[in-house]
Amino acid sequence: MKRPKSVRILSAVDIKTNLERMARAILRQNKSFDSLGFIGIRTRGLFLAKRLCEIIKKSNDKEVPLGEMDITLYRDDLNALLPHGKVDHTRIPFDINNKTIILFDDVLHTGRTVRAAVDHLIDLGRPKAIHLAVLIDRGGREFPIAANFVAKKINLPGEGEVRLKLKEVDGKDEVVVTK
């Protein structure tokens, strides 16, 4: 049996560089920190959002409010997940009403996770705008969803896999693609 080929497409340095570039793009588009909020989709989206908050604080001495979102109860495959899945709580310690929310996810593929996150966000309030930031956009959408901020775009066949590793969860930073 032929083993799938794995290729590292982003190193730790590449991830850091791309997040710094993404922070600059977010700041160019959103001049007011007062109306901005970051929400990371658990698990890796949250750590990406935290890193962007740190980059912005370091470069601008401004803090962007940060929340985390668990979309488990909003997924369209909930019945398949619940017997083994863990349901956490969403924690957003700021008012999302009339704010521009940057929603962070690790890999954008079908769009189902983002759809669930937007549904959840709308149930919590009425943001002025919701923008999406992802580290990897791999294509293959099933919903009409596009990211506003993308670190790396790849075209990966349906059977391919993107594995994003972050040191907070996996002990190291890298992105590996298996074809």
N, C-alpha and C. Protein backbone atom coordinates (compact mmCIF):
# COMPACT_ATOMS: atom_id res chain seq x y z
N MET A 1 0.84 -1.18 0.00
CA MET A 1 0.00 0.00 0.00
C MET A 1 0.89 1.25 0.00
N LYS A 2 0.57 2.18 -0.86
CA LYS A 2 1.35 3.40 -0.99
C LYS A 2 1.01 4.36 0.16
N ARG A 3 2.04 4.87 0.82
CA ARG A 3 1.87 5.78 1.94
C ARG A 3 1.65 7.20 1.42
N PRO A 4 0.68 7.95 2.03
CA PRO A 4 0.45 9.32 1.59
C PRO A 4 1.70 10.18 1.77
N LYS A 5 1.89 11.10 0.86
CA LYS A 5 3.05 11.99 0.91
C LYS A 5 2.73 13.21 1.78
N SER A 6 3.58 13.47 2.78
CA SER A 6 3.41 14.63 3.65
C SER A 6 4.47 15.67 3.33
N VAL A 7 4.03 16.93 3.29
CA VAL A 7 4.93 18.04 2.99
C VAL A 7 4.66 19.15 4.00
N ARG A 8 5.73 19.66 4.62
CA ARG A 8 5.57 20.81 5.51
C ARG A 8 5.51 22.06 4.66
N ILE A 9 4.40 22.80 4.80
CA ILE A 9 4.23 24.01 3.98
C ILE A 9 4.50 25.29 4.78
N LEU A 10 4.44 25.20 6.12
CA LEU A 10 4.79 26.35 6.96
C LEU A 10 5.59 25.86 8.16
N SER A 11 6.69 26.54 8.42
CA SER A 11 7.50 26.28 9.61
C SER A 11 7.03 27.21 10.72
N ALA A 12 7.63 27.09 11.89
CA ALA A 12 7.32 27.99 13.01
C ALA A 12 7.59 29.45 12.62
N VAL A 13 8.71 29.68 11.95
CA VAL A 13 9.07 31.04 11.52
C VAL A 13 8.04 31.55 10.50
N ASP A 14 7.63 30.69 9.56
CA ASP A 14 6.63 31.08 8.56
C ASP A 14 5.31 31.45 9.23
N ILE A 15 4.89 30.68 10.22
CA ILE A 15 3.64 30.95 10.92
C ILE A 15 3.72 32.31 11.61
N LYS A 16 4.83 32.56 12.30
CA LYS A 16 5.02 33.84 13.00
C LYS A 16 5.00 35.01 12.01
N THR A 17 5.71 34.88 10.91
CA THR A 17 5.76 35.93 9.89
C THR A 17 4.38 36.19 9.31
N ASN A 18 3.64 35.13 9.01
CA ASN A 18 2.30 35.28 8.44
C ASN A 18 1.33 35.90 9.43
N LEU A 19 1.45 35.57 10.71
CA LEU A 19 0.57 36.18 11.72
C LEU A 19 0.89 37.66 11.89
N GLU A 20 2.16 38.04 11.82
CA GLU A 20 2.53 39.45 11.89
C GLU A 20 1.97 40.22 10.69
N ARG A 21 2.04 39.61 9.52
CA ARG A 21 1.48 40.22 8.31
C ARG A 21 -0.03 40.36 8.44
N MET A 22 -0.68 39.32 8.97
CA MET A 22 -2.13 39.35 9.16
C MET A 22 -2.52 40.45 10.16
N ALA A 23 -1.75 40.62 11.22
CA ALA A 23 -2.02 41.67 12.21
C ALA A 23 -1.97 43.04 11.55
N ARG A 24 -0.97 43.27 10.71
CA ARG A 24 -0.87 44.56 10.01
C ARG A 24 -2.07 44.79 9.11
N ALA A 25 -2.51 43.74 8.41
CA ALA A 25 -3.67 43.86 7.52
C ALA A 25 -4.94 44.16 8.31
N ILE A 26 -5.12 43.49 9.44
CA ILE A 26 -6.30 43.74 10.27
C ILE A 26 -6.29 45.18 10.78
N LEU A 27 -5.13 45.66 11.21
CA LEU A 27 -5.04 47.03 11.72
C LEU A 27 -5.24 48.07 10.63
N ARG A 28 -4.76 47.80 9.43
CA ARG A 28 -4.99 48.73 8.30
C ARG A 28 -6.48 48.87 8.02
N GLN A 29 -7.19 47.77 8.13
CA GLN A 29 -8.62 47.78 7.80
C GLN A 29 -9.49 48.26 8.96
N ASN A 30 -8.98 48.18 10.19
CA ASN A 30 -9.77 48.55 11.37
C ASN A 30 -8.98 49.56 12.19
N LYS A 31 -9.24 50.82 11.95
CA LYS A 31 -8.46 51.89 12.59
C LYS A 31 -8.80 52.05 14.08
N SER A 32 -10.03 51.78 14.47
CA SER A 32 -10.45 52.00 15.85
C SER A 32 -10.38 50.70 16.66
N PHE A 33 -9.57 50.72 17.71
CA PHE A 33 -9.48 49.57 18.61
C PHE A 33 -10.73 49.44 19.47
N ASP A 34 -11.42 50.56 19.68
CA ASP A 34 -12.60 50.56 20.55
C ASP A 34 -13.73 49.71 20.00
N SER A 35 -13.82 49.58 18.70
CA SER A 35 -14.93 48.83 18.12
C SER A 35 -14.49 47.47 17.57
N LEU A 36 -13.33 46.99 18.00
CA LEU A 36 -12.77 45.74 17.49
C LEU A 36 -12.77 44.68 18.59
N GLY A 37 -13.08 43.44 18.21
CA GLY A 37 -13.00 42.32 19.14
C GLY A 37 -12.57 41.07 18.40
N PHE A 38 -11.75 40.25 19.04
CA PHE A 38 -11.28 38.99 18.45
C PHE A 38 -11.98 37.83 19.16
N ILE A 39 -12.41 36.85 18.37
CA ILE A 39 -12.99 35.64 18.93
C ILE A 39 -12.36 34.45 18.20
N GLY A 40 -11.74 33.58 18.98
CA GLY A 40 -11.11 32.39 18.42
C GLY A 40 -12.01 31.18 18.57
N ILE A 41 -12.15 30.43 17.47
CA ILE A 41 -12.91 29.19 17.50
C ILE A 41 -12.00 28.12 18.10
N ARG A 42 -12.50 27.47 19.14
CA ARG A 42 -11.71 26.44 19.81
C ARG A 42 -11.35 25.34 18.84
N THR A 43 -10.19 24.83 18.85
CA THR A 43 -9.13 25.03 19.81
C THR A 43 -8.04 25.90 19.20
N ARG A 44 -7.59 25.57 18.04
CA ARG A 44 -6.44 26.28 17.48
C ARG A 44 -6.77 27.70 17.03
N GLY A 45 -7.99 27.97 16.65
CA GLY A 45 -8.39 29.33 16.31
C GLY A 45 -8.23 30.27 17.49
N LEU A 46 -8.50 29.75 18.69
CA LEU A 46 -8.32 30.56 19.90
C LEU A 46 -6.85 30.94 20.09
N PHE A 47 -5.95 29.99 19.89
CA PHE A 47 -4.53 30.29 20.09
C PHE A 47 -4.00 31.23 19.00
N LEU A 48 -4.52 31.13 17.80
CA LEU A 48 -4.14 32.09 16.76
C LEU A 48 -4.62 33.49 17.14
N ALA A 49 -5.85 33.61 17.64
CA ALA A 49 -6.38 34.90 18.06
C ALA A 49 -5.54 35.48 19.21
N LYS A 50 -5.16 34.63 20.17
CA LYS A 50 -4.32 35.09 21.28
C LYS A 50 -2.99 35.63 20.77
N ARG A 51 -2.40 34.93 19.81
CA ARG A 51 -1.12 35.38 19.26
C ARG A 51 -1.26 36.73 18.56
N LEU A 52 -2.36 36.90 17.82
CA LEU A 52 -2.58 38.19 17.14
C LEU A 52 -2.76 39.30 18.16
N CYS A 53 -3.48 39.02 19.25
CA CYS A 53 -3.63 40.02 20.32
C CYS A 53 -2.27 40.43 20.88
N GLU A 54 -1.40 39.46 21.08
CA GLU A 54 -0.06 39.74 21.62
C GLU A 54 0.76 40.56 20.63
N ILE A 55 0.67 40.23 19.34
CA ILE A 55 1.41 40.98 18.32
C ILE A 55 0.94 42.44 18.30
N ILE A 56 -0.37 42.63 18.35
CA ILE A 56 -0.93 43.99 18.32
C ILE A 56 -0.55 44.77 19.57
N LYS A 57 -0.60 44.13 20.72
CA LYS A 57 -0.23 44.80 21.96
C LYS A 57 1.24 45.21 21.93
N LYS A 58 2.08 44.32 21.43
CA LYS A 58 3.52 44.60 21.37
C LYS A 58 3.83 45.74 20.39
N SER A 59 3.15 45.76 19.25
CA SER A 59 3.47 46.76 18.23
C SER A 59 2.71 48.08 18.40
N ASN A 60 1.55 48.07 19.07
CA ASN A 60 0.74 49.28 19.18
C ASN A 60 0.39 49.67 20.61
N ASP A 61 0.80 48.85 21.56
CA ASP A 61 0.49 49.08 22.97
C ASP A 61 -1.02 49.23 23.19
N LYS A 62 -1.80 48.47 22.42
CA LYS A 62 -3.27 48.47 22.55
C LYS A 62 -3.73 47.03 22.75
N GLU A 63 -4.74 46.87 23.59
CA GLU A 63 -5.30 45.54 23.82
C GLU A 63 -6.61 45.40 23.07
N VAL A 64 -6.72 44.32 22.33
CA VAL A 64 -7.96 43.99 21.66
C VAL A 64 -8.67 42.96 22.53
N PRO A 65 -9.96 43.17 22.84
CA PRO A 65 -10.67 42.19 23.64
C PRO A 65 -10.71 40.83 22.93
N LEU A 66 -10.57 39.78 23.73
CA LEU A 66 -10.47 38.43 23.18
C LEU A 66 -11.51 37.52 23.83
N GLY A 67 -12.18 36.74 22.99
CA GLY A 67 -13.11 35.73 23.47
C GLY A 67 -12.84 34.41 22.79
N GLU A 68 -13.45 33.37 23.35
CA GLU A 68 -13.31 32.05 22.74
C GLU A 68 -14.70 31.49 22.50
N MET A 69 -14.80 30.72 21.42
CA MET A 69 -16.08 30.19 21.03
C MET A 69 -16.00 28.69 20.84
N ASP A 70 -16.96 28.00 21.44
CA ASP A 70 -17.13 26.57 21.24
C ASP A 70 -18.38 26.41 20.38
N ILE A 71 -18.22 25.86 19.20
CA ILE A 71 -19.35 25.76 18.27
C ILE A 71 -20.00 24.38 18.25
N THR A 72 -19.63 23.52 19.19
CA THR A 72 -20.11 22.14 19.18
C THR A 72 -21.63 22.06 19.05
N LEU A 73 -22.35 22.84 19.85
CA LEU A 73 -23.82 22.76 19.83
C LEU A 73 -24.44 23.36 18.57
N TYR A 74 -23.64 24.03 17.75
CA TYR A 74 -24.14 24.66 16.53
C TYR A 74 -23.77 23.89 15.27
N ARG A 75 -23.07 22.80 15.43
CA ARG A 75 -22.63 22.01 14.27
C ARG A 75 -23.80 21.26 13.66
N ASP A 76 -23.76 21.08 12.35
CA ASP A 76 -24.83 20.32 11.69
C ASP A 76 -24.64 18.82 11.80
N ASP A 77 -23.51 18.38 12.37
CA ASP A 77 -23.27 16.96 12.61
C ASP A 77 -23.24 16.66 14.11
N LEU A 78 -23.99 17.44 14.89
CA LEU A 78 -24.00 17.32 16.34
C LEU A 78 -24.34 15.92 16.82
N ASN A 79 -25.33 15.28 16.22
CA ASN A 79 -25.73 13.94 16.67
C ASN A 79 -24.60 12.94 16.54
N ALA A 80 -23.78 13.09 15.54
CA ALA A 80 -22.65 12.17 15.37
C ALA A 80 -21.54 12.47 16.38
N LEU A 81 -21.45 13.71 16.85
CA LEU A 81 -20.37 14.12 17.75
C LEU A 81 -20.67 13.90 19.23
N LEU A 82 -21.92 14.11 19.63
CA LEU A 82 -22.24 14.14 21.05
C LEU A 82 -21.84 12.91 21.85
N PRO A 83 -22.01 11.69 21.36
CA PRO A 83 -21.63 10.57 22.21
C PRO A 83 -20.17 10.61 22.64
N HIS A 84 -19.30 11.16 21.80
CA HIS A 84 -17.87 11.19 22.12
C HIS A 84 -17.34 12.60 22.30
N GLY A 85 -18.08 13.57 21.82
CA GLY A 85 -17.59 14.95 21.86
C GLY A 85 -17.72 15.57 23.23
N LYS A 86 -16.93 16.60 23.45
CA LYS A 86 -16.95 17.33 24.71
C LYS A 86 -17.53 18.71 24.43
N VAL A 87 -18.50 19.10 25.23
CA VAL A 87 -19.12 20.41 25.05
C VAL A 87 -18.54 21.35 26.10
N ASP A 88 -17.92 22.41 25.65
CA ASP A 88 -17.39 23.44 26.52
C ASP A 88 -18.31 24.64 26.46
N HIS A 89 -17.92 25.67 27.14
CA HIS A 89 -18.71 26.89 27.12
C HIS A 89 -17.98 27.96 26.33
N THR A 90 -18.75 28.75 25.63
CA THR A 90 -18.22 29.92 24.96
C THR A 90 -17.96 30.98 26.02
N ARG A 91 -16.81 31.66 25.90
CA ARG A 91 -16.46 32.72 26.85
C ARG A 91 -16.10 33.98 26.07
N ILE A 92 -16.99 34.94 26.09
CA ILE A 92 -16.74 36.22 25.42
C ILE A 92 -16.95 37.32 26.46
N PRO A 93 -15.85 37.81 27.05
CA PRO A 93 -15.96 38.75 28.17
C PRO A 93 -16.16 40.21 27.76
N PHE A 94 -16.74 40.43 26.60
CA PHE A 94 -17.02 41.79 26.15
C PHE A 94 -18.31 41.79 25.34
N ASP A 95 -18.91 42.96 25.25
CA ASP A 95 -20.16 43.12 24.50
C ASP A 95 -19.85 43.11 23.01
N ILE A 96 -20.45 42.20 22.26
CA ILE A 96 -20.18 42.12 20.83
C ILE A 96 -21.06 43.06 20.01
N ASN A 97 -22.08 43.63 20.62
CA ASN A 97 -22.99 44.50 19.89
C ASN A 97 -22.25 45.71 19.34
N ASN A 98 -22.48 45.96 18.05
CA ASN A 98 -21.92 47.10 17.33
C ASN A 98 -20.40 47.09 17.25
N LYS A 99 -19.79 45.93 17.42
CA LYS A 99 -18.34 45.79 17.26
C LYS A 99 -18.03 45.07 15.95
N THR A 100 -16.85 45.32 15.43
CA THR A 100 -16.34 44.53 14.32
C THR A 100 -15.64 43.34 14.96
N ILE A 101 -16.16 42.15 14.69
CA ILE A 101 -15.63 40.93 15.26
C ILE A 101 -14.76 40.25 14.22
N ILE A 102 -13.53 39.95 14.61
CA ILE A 102 -12.66 39.13 13.77
C ILE A 102 -12.73 37.73 14.35
N LEU A 103 -13.28 36.83 13.58
CA LEU A 103 -13.45 35.44 13.98
C LEU A 103 -12.25 34.66 13.45
N PHE A 104 -11.57 33.92 14.33
CA PHE A 104 -10.36 33.19 13.95
C PHE A 104 -10.60 31.69 13.91
N ASP A 105 -10.16 31.08 12.81
CA ASP A 105 -10.18 29.62 12.69
C ASP A 105 -8.82 29.21 12.13
N ASP A 106 -8.48 27.95 12.31
CA ASP A 106 -7.17 27.50 11.84
C ASP A 106 -7.17 27.20 10.35
N VAL A 107 -8.06 26.31 9.90
CA VAL A 107 -8.10 25.89 8.50
C VAL A 107 -9.52 26.07 7.97
N LEU A 108 -9.66 26.78 6.87
CA LEU A 108 -10.95 26.94 6.22
C LEU A 108 -11.05 25.91 5.10
N HIS A 109 -12.06 25.05 5.20
CA HIS A 109 -12.25 24.01 4.20
C HIS A 109 -13.67 24.10 3.66
N THR A 110 -14.60 23.35 4.24
CA THR A 110 -15.98 23.32 3.72
C THR A 110 -16.76 24.57 4.07
N GLY A 111 -16.41 25.23 5.16
CA GLY A 111 -17.14 26.40 5.62
C GLY A 111 -18.16 26.06 6.70
N ARG A 112 -18.32 24.79 7.03
CA ARG A 112 -19.32 24.38 8.02
C ARG A 112 -18.99 24.89 9.42
N THR A 113 -17.73 24.87 9.81
CA THR A 113 -17.35 25.37 11.13
C THR A 113 -17.63 26.86 11.24
N VAL A 114 -17.28 27.61 10.21
CA VAL A 114 -17.50 29.06 10.22
C VAL A 114 -18.99 29.36 10.22
N ARG A 115 -19.78 28.63 9.45
CA ARG A 115 -21.23 28.83 9.45
C ARG A 115 -21.79 28.64 10.86
N ALA A 116 -21.34 27.58 11.55
CA ALA A 116 -21.79 27.33 12.92
C ALA A 116 -21.37 28.47 13.85
N ALA A 117 -20.15 28.97 13.68
CA ALA A 117 -19.65 30.05 14.53
C ALA A 117 -20.45 31.34 14.30
N VAL A 118 -20.77 31.65 13.07
CA VAL A 118 -21.55 32.86 12.78
C VAL A 118 -22.96 32.71 13.37
N ASP A 119 -23.57 31.55 13.23
CA ASP A 119 -24.88 31.32 13.84
C ASP A 119 -24.82 31.56 15.34
N HIS A 120 -23.81 31.02 15.99
CA HIS A 120 -23.64 31.17 17.43
C HIS A 120 -23.44 32.64 17.80
N LEU A 121 -22.60 33.32 17.05
CA LEU A 121 -22.32 34.73 17.31
C LEU A 121 -23.59 35.58 17.20
N ILE A 122 -24.38 35.34 16.20
CA ILE A 122 -25.62 36.09 15.99
C ILE A 122 -26.61 35.83 17.14
N ASP A 123 -26.58 34.63 17.68
CA ASP A 123 -27.44 34.34 18.85
C ASP A 123 -27.00 35.11 20.08
N LEU A 124 -25.74 35.53 20.13
CA LEU A 124 -25.21 36.25 21.29
C LEU A 124 -25.36 37.76 21.20
N GLY A 125 -25.60 38.29 20.02
CA GLY A 125 -25.71 39.73 19.87
C GLY A 125 -25.72 40.15 18.41
N ARG A 126 -25.54 41.44 18.21
CA ARG A 126 -25.57 41.99 16.85
C ARG A 126 -24.29 42.79 16.58
N PRO A 127 -23.27 42.08 16.07
CA PRO A 127 -22.04 42.80 15.72
C PRO A 127 -22.27 43.74 14.53
N LYS A 128 -21.44 44.77 14.45
CA LYS A 128 -21.48 45.67 13.29
C LYS A 128 -21.05 44.92 12.05
N ALA A 129 -20.01 44.10 12.20
CA ALA A 129 -19.49 43.29 11.09
C ALA A 129 -18.79 42.07 11.67
N ILE A 130 -18.75 41.00 10.88
CA ILE A 130 -18.00 39.80 11.24
C ILE A 130 -17.03 39.52 10.11
N HIS A 131 -15.76 39.50 10.42
CA HIS A 131 -14.73 39.17 9.44
C HIS A 131 -14.07 37.87 9.86
N LEU A 132 -13.56 37.14 8.89
CA LEU A 132 -12.94 35.85 9.16
C LEU A 132 -11.45 35.91 8.88
N ALA A 133 -10.67 35.39 9.83
CA ALA A 133 -9.22 35.28 9.67
C ALA A 133 -8.84 33.80 9.84
N VAL A 134 -8.09 33.26 8.89
CA VAL A 134 -7.66 31.86 8.95
C VAL A 134 -6.18 31.77 8.62
N LEU A 135 -5.54 30.77 9.19
CA LEU A 135 -4.15 30.55 8.85
C LEU A 135 -4.05 29.89 7.47
N ILE A 136 -4.91 28.89 7.21
CA ILE A 136 -4.87 28.17 5.94
C ILE A 136 -6.26 28.15 5.31
N ASP A 137 -6.33 28.53 4.04
CA ASP A 137 -7.54 28.35 3.23
C ASP A 137 -7.20 27.26 2.22
N ARG A 138 -7.81 26.10 2.38
CA ARG A 138 -7.47 24.95 1.53
C ARG A 138 -8.46 24.74 0.39
N GLY A 139 -9.47 25.60 0.28
CA GLY A 139 -10.48 25.42 -0.76
C GLY A 139 -11.45 24.30 -0.40
N GLY A 140 -12.35 23.99 -1.33
CA GLY A 140 -13.30 22.90 -1.13
C GLY A 140 -14.56 23.31 -0.40
N ARG A 141 -15.01 24.54 -0.59
CA ARG A 141 -16.17 25.08 0.12
C ARG A 141 -17.45 24.34 -0.23
N GLU A 142 -18.28 24.13 0.80
CA GLU A 142 -19.65 23.63 0.64
C GLU A 142 -20.66 24.72 0.95
N PHE A 143 -20.19 25.81 1.54
CA PHE A 143 -21.02 26.97 1.85
C PHE A 143 -20.35 28.20 1.24
N PRO A 144 -21.13 29.24 0.93
CA PRO A 144 -20.55 30.44 0.32
C PRO A 144 -19.88 31.32 1.37
N ILE A 145 -18.71 30.87 1.82
CA ILE A 145 -17.98 31.55 2.89
C ILE A 145 -16.55 31.81 2.40
N ALA A 146 -16.08 33.02 2.66
CA ALA A 146 -14.71 33.39 2.27
C ALA A 146 -14.04 34.11 3.44
N ALA A 147 -12.74 33.94 3.57
CA ALA A 147 -11.99 34.60 4.63
C ALA A 147 -11.56 35.99 4.18
N ASN A 148 -11.59 36.93 5.12
CA ASN A 148 -11.12 38.29 4.86
C ASN A 148 -9.60 38.38 5.00
N PHE A 149 -9.05 37.57 5.90
CA PHE A 149 -7.61 37.57 6.17
C PHE A 149 -7.12 36.13 6.11
N VAL A 150 -6.18 35.86 5.22
CA VAL A 150 -5.67 34.50 5.01
C VAL A 150 -4.15 34.55 5.02
N ALA A 151 -3.54 33.68 5.82
CA ALA A 151 -2.07 33.60 5.84
C ALA A 151 -1.57 32.85 4.62
N LYS A 152 -2.17 31.70 4.31
CA LYS A 152 -1.71 30.88 3.18
C LYS A 152 -2.90 30.20 2.52
N LYS A 153 -2.94 30.30 1.22
CA LYS A 153 -4.00 29.68 0.43
C LYS A 153 -3.40 28.52 -0.35
N ILE A 154 -4.04 27.35 -0.27
CA ILE A 154 -3.59 26.19 -1.03
C ILE A 154 -4.79 25.55 -1.70
N ASN A 155 -4.54 24.83 -2.75
CA ASN A 155 -5.60 24.08 -3.43
C ASN A 155 -5.33 22.61 -3.17
N LEU A 156 -6.14 22.02 -2.30
CA LEU A 156 -5.90 20.65 -1.87
C LEU A 156 -7.10 19.79 -2.24
N PRO A 157 -6.87 18.66 -2.91
CA PRO A 157 -7.98 17.77 -3.24
C PRO A 157 -8.73 17.33 -1.98
N GLY A 158 -9.97 16.90 -2.15
CA GLY A 158 -10.83 16.51 -1.04
C GLY A 158 -10.22 15.47 -0.12
N GLU A 159 -9.46 14.56 -0.66
CA GLU A 159 -8.88 13.51 0.18
C GLU A 159 -7.58 13.95 0.88
N GLY A 160 -7.09 15.10 0.54
CA GLY A 160 -5.90 15.62 1.20
C GLY A 160 -6.23 16.11 2.60
N GLU A 161 -5.19 16.27 3.41
CA GLU A 161 -5.39 16.69 4.80
C GLU A 161 -4.39 17.77 5.17
N VAL A 162 -4.85 18.77 5.89
CA VAL A 162 -4.00 19.81 6.42
C VAL A 162 -3.91 19.60 7.92
N ARG A 163 -2.71 19.47 8.43
CA ARG A 163 -2.50 19.34 9.88
C ARG A 163 -1.74 20.55 10.38
N LEU A 164 -2.46 21.40 11.13
CA LEU A 164 -1.85 22.57 11.75
C LEU A 164 -1.47 22.19 13.17
N LYS A 165 -0.21 22.38 13.48
CA LYS A 165 0.26 22.11 14.84
C LYS A 165 0.69 23.44 15.45
N LEU A 166 0.23 23.68 16.67
CA LEU A 166 0.62 24.86 17.41
C LEU A 166 1.24 24.43 18.73
N LYS A 167 2.27 25.15 19.15
CA LYS A 167 3.01 24.74 20.34
C LYS A 167 2.12 24.68 21.57
N GLU A 168 1.09 25.53 21.66
CA GLU A 168 0.21 25.52 22.82
C GLU A 168 -0.56 24.20 22.97
N VAL A 169 -0.79 23.52 21.85
CA VAL A 169 -1.57 22.28 21.86
C VAL A 169 -0.69 21.07 21.53
N ASP A 170 0.18 21.23 20.53
CA ASP A 170 0.92 20.11 19.96
C ASP A 170 2.41 20.11 20.28
N GLY A 171 2.89 21.13 20.95
CA GLY A 171 4.30 21.17 21.32
C GLY A 171 5.22 21.80 20.28
N LYS A 172 4.71 22.06 19.08
CA LYS A 172 5.53 22.74 18.05
C LYS A 172 4.60 23.41 17.04
N ASP A 173 5.17 24.34 16.30
CA ASP A 173 4.44 25.08 15.26
C ASP A 173 4.84 24.58 13.89
N GLU A 174 3.86 24.13 13.12
CA GLU A 174 4.10 23.80 11.71
C GLU A 174 2.76 23.49 11.06
N VAL A 175 2.77 23.54 9.75
CA VAL A 175 1.62 23.11 8.97
C VAL A 175 2.11 22.08 7.99
N VAL A 176 1.48 20.91 8.03
CA VAL A 176 1.85 19.78 7.17
C VAL A 176 0.63 19.42 6.32
N VAL A 177 0.88 19.17 5.03
CA VAL A 177 -0.15 18.75 4.10
C VAL A 177 0.13 17.32 3.68
N THR A 178 -0.91 16.51 3.73
CA THR A 178 -0.81 15.12 3.28
C THR A 178 -1.69 14.98 2.05
N LYS A 179 -1.09 14.50 0.97
CA LYS A 179 -1.84 14.33 -0.29
C LYS A 179 -2.08 12.88 -0.56
